[in-house]
Amino acid sequence: MTSYAAVALRDNLLNELKTSMKNKDLQASTTIRSVLSEVYVADKTANEKVSSSVITAILRKAIARRAEAALQYADAYRLELSEKELQEVAILKRFVPPLMAEADIERILREVVADIPAETPENRKMGMAFKQFYAKVEKSAVDPDTVSQKLKAILAESS
């Protein structure tokens, strides 16, 4: 079963593809096609249309891949290719919902850590906290590295 958000995000990508094709914007249409291709592969792998969180994760990975490529091109003094990758990043960022604010992440993590029993061994607290945190928050709405850093800091100050 697909949610409205997944359909809306998928439709948004398809509509932007149509618009970019009508406007003969080759770079935008190629970039959106590549992401839609990854979405369709995920659909076939799951044997159903994937959720918005999966589509968002695909978009974030595509953005990260292109940003990394832009850095590598810049390091190799291939500025025209670096600029092309950065333009593709800008195209894809239009479709990605904003990440949750760090203050909200920290607040939820503090609530989660407070709910963990004090007698829980230290080596299990982090896993339990992650599990409870991601039960409350959609995974695609947060940066996992930020969550990990914040959680480690909170656990360090509470022990």
N, C-alpha and C. Protein backbone atom coordinates (compact mmCIF):
# COMPACT_ATOMS: atom_id res chain seq x y z
N MET A 1 0.85 -1.19 0.00
CA MET A 1 0.00 0.00 0.00
C MET A 1 0.88 1.24 0.00
N THR A 2 0.61 2.13 -0.89
CA THR A 2 1.41 3.35 -0.98
C THR A 2 0.66 4.51 -0.34
N SER A 3 1.43 5.41 0.24
CA SER A 3 0.82 6.56 0.89
C SER A 3 0.64 7.69 -0.11
N TYR A 4 -0.15 8.68 0.31
CA TYR A 4 -0.38 9.85 -0.54
C TYR A 4 0.93 10.59 -0.79
N ALA A 5 1.78 10.67 0.25
CA ALA A 5 3.05 11.38 0.10
C ALA A 5 3.94 10.72 -0.94
N ALA A 6 3.95 9.37 -0.96
CA ALA A 6 4.77 8.66 -1.94
C ALA A 6 4.25 8.92 -3.34
N VAL A 7 2.93 8.90 -3.49
CA VAL A 7 2.32 9.17 -4.79
C VAL A 7 2.61 10.61 -5.19
N ALA A 8 2.50 11.52 -4.24
CA ALA A 8 2.74 12.94 -4.54
C ALA A 8 4.19 13.17 -4.95
N LEU A 9 5.13 12.56 -4.26
CA LEU A 9 6.54 12.74 -4.60
C LEU A 9 6.84 12.12 -5.97
N ARG A 10 6.30 10.94 -6.20
CA ARG A 10 6.48 10.26 -7.49
C ARG A 10 5.86 11.11 -8.61
N ASP A 11 4.63 11.58 -8.38
CA ASP A 11 3.95 12.42 -9.37
C ASP A 11 4.70 13.72 -9.61
N ASN A 12 5.24 14.28 -8.54
CA ASN A 12 6.01 15.51 -8.66
C ASN A 12 7.23 15.29 -9.56
N LEU A 13 7.92 14.17 -9.37
CA LEU A 13 9.07 13.84 -10.23
C LEU A 13 8.63 13.68 -11.68
N LEU A 14 7.53 12.95 -11.89
CA LEU A 14 7.04 12.73 -13.25
C LEU A 14 6.59 14.03 -13.92
N ASN A 15 5.91 14.88 -13.16
CA ASN A 15 5.46 16.17 -13.71
C ASN A 15 6.65 17.06 -14.06
N GLU A 16 7.66 17.07 -13.19
CA GLU A 16 8.86 17.86 -13.49
C GLU A 16 9.59 17.32 -14.70
N LEU A 17 9.58 15.99 -14.87
CA LEU A 17 10.20 15.39 -16.05
C LEU A 17 9.48 15.86 -17.31
N LYS A 18 8.15 15.82 -17.27
CA LYS A 18 7.37 16.28 -18.43
C LYS A 18 7.65 17.75 -18.73
N THR A 19 7.67 18.56 -17.68
CA THR A 19 7.93 20.00 -17.85
C THR A 19 9.31 20.24 -18.45
N SER A 20 10.30 19.54 -17.92
CA SER A 20 11.66 19.74 -18.43
C SER A 20 11.79 19.26 -19.86
N MET A 21 11.05 18.22 -20.22
CA MET A 21 11.08 17.74 -21.61
C MET A 21 10.41 18.77 -22.54
N LYS A 22 9.30 19.33 -22.09
CA LYS A 22 8.61 20.35 -22.90
C LYS A 22 9.49 21.58 -23.09
N ASN A 23 10.23 21.93 -22.03
CA ASN A 23 11.11 23.10 -22.09
C ASN A 23 12.45 22.79 -22.74
N LYS A 24 12.62 21.54 -23.15
CA LYS A 24 13.86 21.08 -23.77
C LYS A 24 15.07 21.31 -22.87
N ASP A 25 14.86 21.11 -21.56
CA ASP A 25 15.94 21.22 -20.58
C ASP A 25 16.56 19.83 -20.44
N LEU A 26 17.57 19.58 -21.24
CA LEU A 26 18.17 18.25 -21.31
C LEU A 26 18.78 17.82 -19.98
N GLN A 27 19.45 18.73 -19.30
CA GLN A 27 20.10 18.37 -18.05
C GLN A 27 19.08 17.97 -16.98
N ALA A 28 18.02 18.74 -16.83
CA ALA A 28 17.00 18.42 -15.84
C ALA A 28 16.30 17.11 -16.18
N SER A 29 15.94 16.92 -17.43
CA SER A 29 15.23 15.70 -17.79
C SER A 29 16.12 14.47 -17.61
N THR A 30 17.39 14.56 -17.95
CA THR A 30 18.30 13.44 -17.77
C THR A 30 18.49 13.12 -16.28
N THR A 31 18.64 14.15 -15.47
CA THR A 31 18.83 13.97 -14.03
C THR A 31 17.61 13.33 -13.40
N ILE A 32 16.43 13.83 -13.73
CA ILE A 32 15.20 13.28 -13.16
C ILE A 32 14.97 11.86 -13.65
N ARG A 33 15.27 11.60 -14.91
CA ARG A 33 15.14 10.23 -15.44
C ARG A 33 16.02 9.25 -14.68
N SER A 34 17.23 9.67 -14.36
CA SER A 34 18.14 8.76 -13.65
C SER A 34 17.59 8.41 -12.28
N VAL A 35 17.00 9.38 -11.60
CA VAL A 35 16.42 9.11 -10.28
C VAL A 35 15.17 8.24 -10.42
N LEU A 36 14.33 8.55 -11.40
CA LEU A 36 13.14 7.72 -11.62
C LEU A 36 13.52 6.29 -11.96
N SER A 37 14.61 6.11 -12.66
CA SER A 37 15.09 4.77 -12.97
C SER A 37 15.42 4.01 -11.69
N GLU A 38 16.09 4.68 -10.75
CA GLU A 38 16.39 4.05 -9.47
C GLU A 38 15.11 3.74 -8.69
N VAL A 39 14.13 4.62 -8.77
CA VAL A 39 12.85 4.39 -8.09
C VAL A 39 12.16 3.17 -8.69
N TYR A 40 12.17 3.05 -10.01
CA TYR A 40 11.53 1.90 -10.66
C TYR A 40 12.24 0.59 -10.32
N VAL A 41 13.56 0.63 -10.19
CA VAL A 41 14.30 -0.57 -9.78
C VAL A 41 13.89 -0.96 -8.36
N ALA A 42 13.76 0.03 -7.48
CA ALA A 42 13.32 -0.24 -6.11
C ALA A 42 11.90 -0.80 -6.10
N ASP A 43 11.03 -0.28 -6.98
CA ASP A 43 9.66 -0.81 -7.10
C ASP A 43 9.69 -2.28 -7.46
N LYS A 44 10.49 -2.63 -8.45
CA LYS A 44 10.54 -4.02 -8.91
C LYS A 44 11.14 -4.93 -7.86
N THR A 45 12.13 -4.44 -7.14
CA THR A 45 12.74 -5.23 -6.08
C THR A 45 11.74 -5.51 -4.96
N ALA A 46 10.92 -4.52 -4.63
CA ALA A 46 9.94 -4.65 -3.55
C ALA A 46 8.63 -5.27 -4.02
N ASN A 47 8.47 -5.46 -5.32
CA ASN A 47 7.23 -5.99 -5.91
C ASN A 47 6.01 -5.11 -5.64
N GLU A 48 6.24 -3.84 -5.34
CA GLU A 48 5.17 -2.86 -5.17
C GLU A 48 5.80 -1.47 -5.25
N LYS A 49 4.95 -0.47 -5.33
CA LYS A 49 5.48 0.89 -5.36
C LYS A 49 6.06 1.23 -3.99
N VAL A 50 7.26 1.77 -3.99
CA VAL A 50 7.94 2.05 -2.73
C VAL A 50 7.38 3.32 -2.07
N SER A 51 7.63 3.43 -0.78
CA SER A 51 7.11 4.55 0.01
C SER A 51 7.89 5.84 -0.26
N SER A 52 7.36 6.92 0.26
CA SER A 52 8.02 8.21 0.08
C SER A 52 9.38 8.24 0.77
N SER A 53 9.50 7.53 1.90
CA SER A 53 10.79 7.52 2.60
C SER A 53 11.86 6.85 1.75
N VAL A 54 11.48 5.81 1.00
CA VAL A 54 12.45 5.14 0.12
C VAL A 54 12.81 6.07 -1.04
N ILE A 55 11.82 6.75 -1.60
CA ILE A 55 12.09 7.68 -2.70
C ILE A 55 12.98 8.83 -2.20
N THR A 56 12.70 9.31 -1.00
CA THR A 56 13.52 10.38 -0.42
C THR A 56 14.95 9.89 -0.20
N ALA A 57 15.09 8.66 0.28
CA ALA A 57 16.43 8.09 0.48
C ALA A 57 17.17 7.98 -0.85
N ILE A 58 16.47 7.57 -1.89
CA ILE A 58 17.08 7.49 -3.23
C ILE A 58 17.54 8.87 -3.68
N LEU A 59 16.70 9.87 -3.46
CA LEU A 59 17.07 11.25 -3.83
C LEU A 59 18.29 11.73 -3.05
N ARG A 60 18.31 11.46 -1.74
CA ARG A 60 19.44 11.90 -0.92
C ARG A 60 20.74 11.21 -1.37
N LYS A 61 20.66 9.93 -1.70
CA LYS A 61 21.86 9.22 -2.17
C LYS A 61 22.33 9.79 -3.50
N ALA A 62 21.39 10.11 -4.37
CA ALA A 62 21.75 10.68 -5.67
C ALA A 62 22.42 12.05 -5.48
N ILE A 63 21.90 12.83 -4.55
CA ILE A 63 22.49 14.14 -4.26
C ILE A 63 23.90 13.97 -3.70
N ALA A 64 24.06 13.05 -2.76
CA ALA A 64 25.37 12.82 -2.16
C ALA A 64 26.38 12.33 -3.21
N ARG A 65 25.92 11.44 -4.09
CA ARG A 65 26.79 10.93 -5.16
C ARG A 65 27.27 12.06 -6.06
N ARG A 66 26.35 12.92 -6.45
CA ARG A 66 26.70 14.02 -7.34
C ARG A 66 27.58 15.06 -6.65
N ALA A 67 27.32 15.32 -5.39
CA ALA A 67 28.15 16.27 -4.64
C ALA A 67 29.58 15.74 -4.51
N GLU A 68 29.71 14.46 -4.24
CA GLU A 68 31.04 13.84 -4.15
C GLU A 68 31.75 13.90 -5.50
N ALA A 69 31.02 13.62 -6.57
CA ALA A 69 31.61 13.69 -7.91
C ALA A 69 32.06 15.12 -8.22
N ALA A 70 31.27 16.10 -7.81
CA ALA A 70 31.64 17.50 -8.04
C ALA A 70 32.95 17.84 -7.33
N LEU A 71 33.11 17.35 -6.10
CA LEU A 71 34.36 17.59 -5.37
C LEU A 71 35.54 16.94 -6.08
N GLN A 72 35.35 15.72 -6.55
CA GLN A 72 36.43 15.02 -7.24
C GLN A 72 36.79 15.72 -8.54
N TYR A 73 35.79 16.18 -9.27
CA TYR A 73 36.06 16.92 -10.51
C TYR A 73 36.80 18.22 -10.20
N ALA A 74 36.39 18.90 -9.15
CA ALA A 74 37.05 20.16 -8.78
C ALA A 74 38.51 19.91 -8.39
N ASP A 75 38.75 18.82 -7.65
CA ASP A 75 40.12 18.47 -7.27
C ASP A 75 40.99 18.16 -8.49
N ALA A 76 40.35 17.65 -9.54
CA ALA A 76 41.07 17.31 -10.77
C ALA A 76 41.08 18.48 -11.77
N TYR A 77 40.65 19.66 -11.31
CA TYR A 77 40.60 20.87 -12.14
C TYR A 77 39.71 20.70 -13.37
N ARG A 78 38.64 19.93 -13.22
CA ARG A 78 37.63 19.79 -14.28
C ARG A 78 36.39 20.58 -13.85
N LEU A 79 36.53 21.88 -13.85
CA LEU A 79 35.50 22.76 -13.29
C LEU A 79 34.19 22.70 -14.05
N GLU A 80 34.23 22.48 -15.37
CA GLU A 80 32.98 22.41 -16.14
C GLU A 80 32.16 21.18 -15.72
N LEU A 81 32.85 20.06 -15.46
CA LEU A 81 32.14 18.86 -15.01
C LEU A 81 31.65 19.02 -13.57
N SER A 82 32.46 19.68 -12.76
CA SER A 82 32.06 19.94 -11.38
C SER A 82 30.81 20.81 -11.34
N GLU A 83 30.77 21.83 -12.18
CA GLU A 83 29.61 22.72 -12.25
C GLU A 83 28.37 21.96 -12.70
N LYS A 84 28.52 21.05 -13.65
CA LYS A 84 27.40 20.24 -14.14
C LYS A 84 26.82 19.40 -13.00
N GLU A 85 27.70 18.77 -12.22
CA GLU A 85 27.24 17.96 -11.10
C GLU A 85 26.52 18.82 -10.06
N LEU A 86 27.04 20.00 -9.79
CA LEU A 86 26.40 20.90 -8.82
C LEU A 86 25.04 21.37 -9.31
N GLN A 87 24.89 21.57 -10.61
CA GLN A 87 23.59 21.93 -11.16
C GLN A 87 22.60 20.78 -10.99
N GLU A 88 23.07 19.55 -11.16
CA GLU A 88 22.20 18.39 -10.95
C GLU A 88 21.79 18.28 -9.48
N VAL A 89 22.72 18.59 -8.58
CA VAL A 89 22.39 18.60 -7.15
C VAL A 89 21.27 19.60 -6.89
N ALA A 90 21.36 20.78 -7.48
CA ALA A 90 20.33 21.81 -7.29
C ALA A 90 18.98 21.34 -7.83
N ILE A 91 19.00 20.65 -8.95
CA ILE A 91 17.76 20.12 -9.53
C ILE A 91 17.12 19.13 -8.56
N LEU A 92 17.91 18.21 -8.02
CA LEU A 92 17.37 17.16 -7.16
C LEU A 92 16.95 17.69 -5.79
N LYS A 93 17.62 18.72 -5.30
CA LYS A 93 17.27 19.26 -3.98
C LYS A 93 15.86 19.84 -3.94
N ARG A 94 15.32 20.18 -5.09
CA ARG A 94 13.95 20.71 -5.13
C ARG A 94 12.93 19.68 -4.67
N PHE A 95 13.26 18.40 -4.78
CA PHE A 95 12.31 17.34 -4.48
C PHE A 95 12.45 16.77 -3.08
N VAL A 96 13.53 17.08 -2.41
CA VAL A 96 13.81 16.49 -1.10
C VAL A 96 13.20 17.34 0.00
N PRO A 97 12.40 16.72 0.87
CA PRO A 97 11.86 17.49 2.00
C PRO A 97 12.99 17.87 2.95
N PRO A 98 12.84 18.97 3.67
CA PRO A 98 13.91 19.39 4.57
C PRO A 98 14.11 18.40 5.72
N LEU A 99 15.34 18.34 6.21
CA LEU A 99 15.65 17.47 7.34
C LEU A 99 15.11 18.09 8.63
N MET A 100 14.88 17.23 9.61
CA MET A 100 14.41 17.68 10.92
C MET A 100 15.51 18.54 11.57
N ALA A 101 15.12 19.56 12.28
CA ALA A 101 16.07 20.45 12.94
C ALA A 101 16.84 19.70 14.02
N GLU A 102 18.10 20.09 14.21
CA GLU A 102 18.95 19.42 15.20
C GLU A 102 18.38 19.55 16.61
N ALA A 103 17.75 20.68 16.91
CA ALA A 103 17.15 20.87 18.24
C ALA A 103 16.03 19.86 18.48
N ASP A 104 15.22 19.59 17.45
CA ASP A 104 14.15 18.61 17.57
C ASP A 104 14.71 17.20 17.73
N ILE A 105 15.76 16.90 16.98
CA ILE A 105 16.40 15.59 17.10
C ILE A 105 16.91 15.40 18.52
N GLU A 106 17.59 16.41 19.03
CA GLU A 106 18.15 16.31 20.37
C GLU A 106 17.05 16.17 21.43
N ARG A 107 15.96 16.91 21.27
CA ARG A 107 14.85 16.82 22.23
C ARG A 107 14.27 15.40 22.25
N ILE A 108 14.03 14.83 21.08
CA ILE A 108 13.46 13.48 21.01
C ILE A 108 14.45 12.46 21.56
N LEU A 109 15.73 12.63 21.25
CA LEU A 109 16.74 11.70 21.77
C LEU A 109 16.81 11.76 23.30
N ARG A 110 16.70 12.96 23.86
CA ARG A 110 16.72 13.08 25.33
C ARG A 110 15.51 12.38 25.95
N GLU A 111 14.35 12.50 25.31
CA GLU A 111 13.15 11.79 25.79
C GLU A 111 13.37 10.28 25.74
N VAL A 112 13.93 9.82 24.64
CA VAL A 112 14.16 8.39 24.45
C VAL A 112 15.15 7.87 25.48
N VAL A 113 16.25 8.59 25.69
CA VAL A 113 17.27 8.16 26.66
C VAL A 113 16.68 8.16 28.07
N ALA A 114 15.82 9.11 28.36
CA ALA A 114 15.19 9.17 29.69
C ALA A 114 14.27 7.97 29.91
N ASP A 115 13.70 7.42 28.84
CA ASP A 115 12.81 6.26 28.95
C ASP A 115 13.55 4.94 29.11
N ILE A 116 14.83 4.92 28.82
CA ILE A 116 15.61 3.67 28.94
C ILE A 116 15.88 3.42 30.42
N PRO A 117 15.59 2.20 30.90
CA PRO A 117 15.83 1.88 32.32
C PRO A 117 17.29 2.08 32.70
N ALA A 118 17.52 2.58 33.92
CA ALA A 118 18.87 2.89 34.38
C ALA A 118 19.74 1.64 34.49
N GLU A 119 19.11 0.49 34.76
CA GLU A 119 19.89 -0.74 34.94
C GLU A 119 20.31 -1.37 33.62
N THR A 120 19.94 -0.77 32.50
CA THR A 120 20.33 -1.28 31.19
C THR A 120 21.84 -1.15 31.02
N PRO A 121 22.50 -2.22 30.56
CA PRO A 121 23.96 -2.14 30.34
C PRO A 121 24.29 -1.05 29.32
N GLU A 122 25.43 -0.40 29.52
CA GLU A 122 25.85 0.72 28.66
C GLU A 122 25.92 0.33 27.19
N ASN A 123 26.39 -0.90 26.93
CA ASN A 123 26.57 -1.31 25.54
C ASN A 123 25.25 -1.55 24.81
N ARG A 124 24.13 -1.62 25.52
CA ARG A 124 22.82 -1.85 24.89
C ARG A 124 22.00 -0.56 24.79
N LYS A 125 22.39 0.46 25.53
CA LYS A 125 21.59 1.69 25.55
C LYS A 125 21.51 2.35 24.17
N MET A 126 22.61 2.35 23.45
CA MET A 126 22.63 3.03 22.15
C MET A 126 21.67 2.34 21.17
N GLY A 127 21.72 1.02 21.12
CA GLY A 127 20.83 0.27 20.23
C GLY A 127 19.37 0.48 20.59
N MET A 128 19.07 0.44 21.88
CA MET A 128 17.69 0.66 22.33
C MET A 128 17.23 2.08 21.98
N ALA A 129 18.13 3.04 22.16
CA ALA A 129 17.77 4.43 21.88
C ALA A 129 17.50 4.63 20.38
N PHE A 130 18.35 4.04 19.53
CA PHE A 130 18.11 4.13 18.08
C PHE A 130 16.77 3.53 17.72
N LYS A 131 16.48 2.37 18.27
CA LYS A 131 15.23 1.67 17.95
C LYS A 131 14.03 2.52 18.35
N GLN A 132 14.05 3.07 19.55
CA GLN A 132 12.94 3.90 20.02
C GLN A 132 12.85 5.21 19.23
N PHE A 133 14.00 5.79 18.90
CA PHE A 133 14.02 7.04 18.15
C PHE A 133 13.38 6.86 16.77
N TYR A 134 13.80 5.81 16.06
CA TYR A 134 13.29 5.60 14.71
C TYR A 134 11.86 5.07 14.71
N ALA A 135 11.36 4.64 15.87
CA ALA A 135 9.94 4.31 15.98
C ALA A 135 9.11 5.59 16.01
N LYS A 136 9.70 6.67 16.50
CA LYS A 136 9.00 7.95 16.60
C LYS A 136 9.20 8.84 15.38
N VAL A 137 10.31 8.67 14.68
CA VAL A 137 10.69 9.57 13.59
C VAL A 137 10.92 8.77 12.32
N GLU A 138 10.43 9.30 11.20
CA GLU A 138 10.68 8.64 9.92
C GLU A 138 12.16 8.79 9.57
N LYS A 139 12.75 7.67 9.16
CA LYS A 139 14.20 7.63 8.92
C LYS A 139 14.66 8.64 7.88
N SER A 140 13.85 8.89 6.87
CA SER A 140 14.27 9.80 5.81
C SER A 140 14.21 11.27 6.23
N ALA A 141 13.65 11.55 7.40
CA ALA A 141 13.50 12.93 7.85
C ALA A 141 14.71 13.43 8.64
N VAL A 142 15.68 12.54 8.89
CA VAL A 142 16.85 12.91 9.69
C VAL A 142 18.13 12.45 9.01
N ASP A 143 19.22 13.11 9.37
CA ASP A 143 20.54 12.70 8.91
C ASP A 143 21.07 11.70 9.94
N PRO A 144 21.33 10.44 9.54
CA PRO A 144 21.76 9.43 10.50
C PRO A 144 23.05 9.79 11.24
N ASP A 145 23.97 10.49 10.58
CA ASP A 145 25.22 10.88 11.24
C ASP A 145 24.94 11.87 12.37
N THR A 146 24.04 12.79 12.13
CA THR A 146 23.67 13.77 13.16
C THR A 146 23.03 13.07 14.35
N VAL A 147 22.13 12.13 14.07
CA VAL A 147 21.47 11.38 15.15
C VAL A 147 22.51 10.63 15.97
N SER A 148 23.43 9.97 15.31
CA SER A 148 24.46 9.20 15.99
C SER A 148 25.34 10.09 16.87
N GLN A 149 25.78 11.22 16.33
CA GLN A 149 26.62 12.14 17.10
C GLN A 149 25.88 12.68 18.32
N LYS A 150 24.64 13.10 18.11
CA LYS A 150 23.85 13.65 19.22
C LYS A 150 23.62 12.59 20.30
N LEU A 151 23.29 11.37 19.87
CA LEU A 151 23.03 10.30 20.82
C LEU A 151 24.28 9.96 21.63
N LYS A 152 25.42 9.89 20.97
CA LYS A 152 26.67 9.60 21.68
C LYS A 152 26.96 10.68 22.72
N ALA A 153 26.73 11.94 22.36
CA ALA A 153 26.97 13.04 23.29
C ALA A 153 26.01 12.96 24.48
N ILE A 154 24.75 12.65 24.22
CA ILE A 154 23.76 12.56 25.30
C ILE A 154 24.08 11.40 26.23
N LEU A 155 24.44 10.25 25.66
CA LEU A 155 24.79 9.09 26.49
C LEU A 155 26.06 9.35 27.29
N ALA A 156 27.02 10.06 26.71
CA ALA A 156 28.27 10.36 27.42
C ALA A 156 28.02 11.27 28.62
N GLU A 157 27.13 12.24 28.47
CA GLU A 157 26.87 13.16 29.59
C GLU A 157 25.96 12.54 30.64
N SER A 158 25.20 11.52 30.26
CA SER A 158 24.29 10.90 31.23
C SER A 158 24.97 9.78 32.02
N SER A 159 26.14 9.34 31.58
CA SER A 159 26.80 8.24 32.32
C SER A 159 27.86 8.72 33.27
